[in-house]
Amino acid sequence: MGATTFTNLNGEVEVRIYSIIGRHVITLRNQGAAEVAWNLLNEQGHPVASGVYFWLAMGANGKSKVGRIAVIR
C-alpha cells in the first residue's frame, strides 16, 4: 500500500495534507514524537488517488513549513 514519513519534527506538530485543488485530505499529529507517517489514506480510511498533494506542517511554536508529495500507484 505504501506510506510516507515526515521526520525531524520538534515538539507537537500537526501535518495537514491537501489535494492539488486544495481539498483537505487528512490531518496527522505526531503526539510529540520525532516523526509521523501517512499511510496514503484519507480521513475516511480510503486510499488516495495518484497525484500531487500539498502538506502543511504547523508546530505549537507557530512555525510552519509547506511542501508537496507525488503519489504514484
Protein backbone atom coordinates (compact mmCIF):
# COMPACT_ATOMS: atom_id res chain seq x y z
CA MET A 1 0.00 0.00 0.00
CA GLY A 2 2.84 2.43 0.78
CA ALA A 3 3.43 5.26 3.21
CA THR A 4 5.47 8.41 3.59
CA THR A 5 7.09 9.62 6.79
CA PHE A 6 7.60 13.17 8.00
CA THR A 7 10.76 13.26 10.12
CA ASN A 8 12.75 15.71 12.27
CA LEU A 9 9.63 17.06 13.96
CA ASN A 10 10.22 19.09 17.09
CA GLY A 11 7.52 19.17 19.76
CA GLU A 12 3.83 18.93 18.95
CA VAL A 13 3.36 19.17 15.18
CA GLU A 14 0.23 18.89 13.04
CA VAL A 15 0.65 17.88 9.39
CA ARG A 16 -2.28 18.65 7.10
CA ILE A 17 -2.49 17.05 3.67
CA TYR A 18 -4.41 18.75 0.82
CA SER A 19 -5.22 17.68 -2.73
CA ILE A 20 -3.96 19.71 -5.69
CA ILE A 21 -7.29 21.59 -5.74
CA GLY A 22 -7.00 22.47 -2.05
CA ARG A 23 -9.40 19.90 -0.61
CA HIS A 24 -8.41 18.71 2.88
CA VAL A 25 -7.44 15.02 2.79
CA ILE A 26 -6.21 14.20 6.32
CA THR A 27 -4.63 15.72 9.41
CA LEU A 28 -1.76 13.88 11.11
CA ARG A 29 -0.46 14.61 14.62
CA ASN A 30 2.90 13.44 15.93
CA GLN A 31 1.92 13.39 19.64
CA GLY A 32 5.39 14.76 20.47
CA ALA A 33 7.28 12.05 18.52
CA ALA A 34 10.10 12.98 16.14
CA GLU A 35 8.17 11.61 13.15
CA VAL A 36 4.70 10.81 11.85
CA ALA A 37 3.73 8.52 8.95
CA TRP A 38 0.97 8.97 6.39
CA ASN A 39 -0.37 5.65 5.11
CA LEU A 40 -1.78 7.34 1.99
CA LEU A 41 -5.35 7.04 3.23
CA ASN A 42 -7.82 9.90 3.61
CA GLU A 43 -9.78 10.77 6.77
CA GLN A 44 -12.41 8.16 5.83
CA GLY A 45 -9.78 5.40 5.51
CA HIS A 46 -9.90 5.20 1.70
CA PRO A 47 -6.71 5.13 -0.41
CA VAL A 48 -5.93 8.46 -2.08
CA ALA A 49 -5.65 8.62 -5.86
CA SER A 50 -2.38 9.08 -7.71
CA GLY A 51 -1.47 12.74 -7.98
CA VAL A 52 0.25 15.65 -6.29
CA TYR A 53 -0.62 16.55 -2.71
CA PHE A 54 0.47 19.50 -0.60
CA TRP A 55 1.39 19.24 3.06
CA LEU A 56 1.44 21.92 5.72
CA ALA A 57 3.34 21.19 8.94
CA MET A 58 2.50 23.52 11.82
CA GLY A 59 4.24 23.45 15.18
CA ALA A 60 2.87 24.55 18.52
CA ASN A 61 5.56 27.26 18.44
CA GLY A 62 3.84 28.90 15.45
CA LYS A 63 6.40 27.85 12.86
CA SER A 64 5.16 26.21 9.67
CA LYS A 65 6.53 24.61 6.55
CA VAL A 66 4.90 23.65 3.24
CA GLY A 67 5.83 21.01 0.69
CA ARG A 68 4.39 18.65 -1.89
CA ILE A 69 4.27 14.91 -2.38
CA ALA A 70 3.62 12.90 -5.53
CA VAL A 71 1.62 9.71 -5.00
CA ILE A 72 2.15 7.19 -7.80
CA ARG A 73 0.18 3.96 -7.72
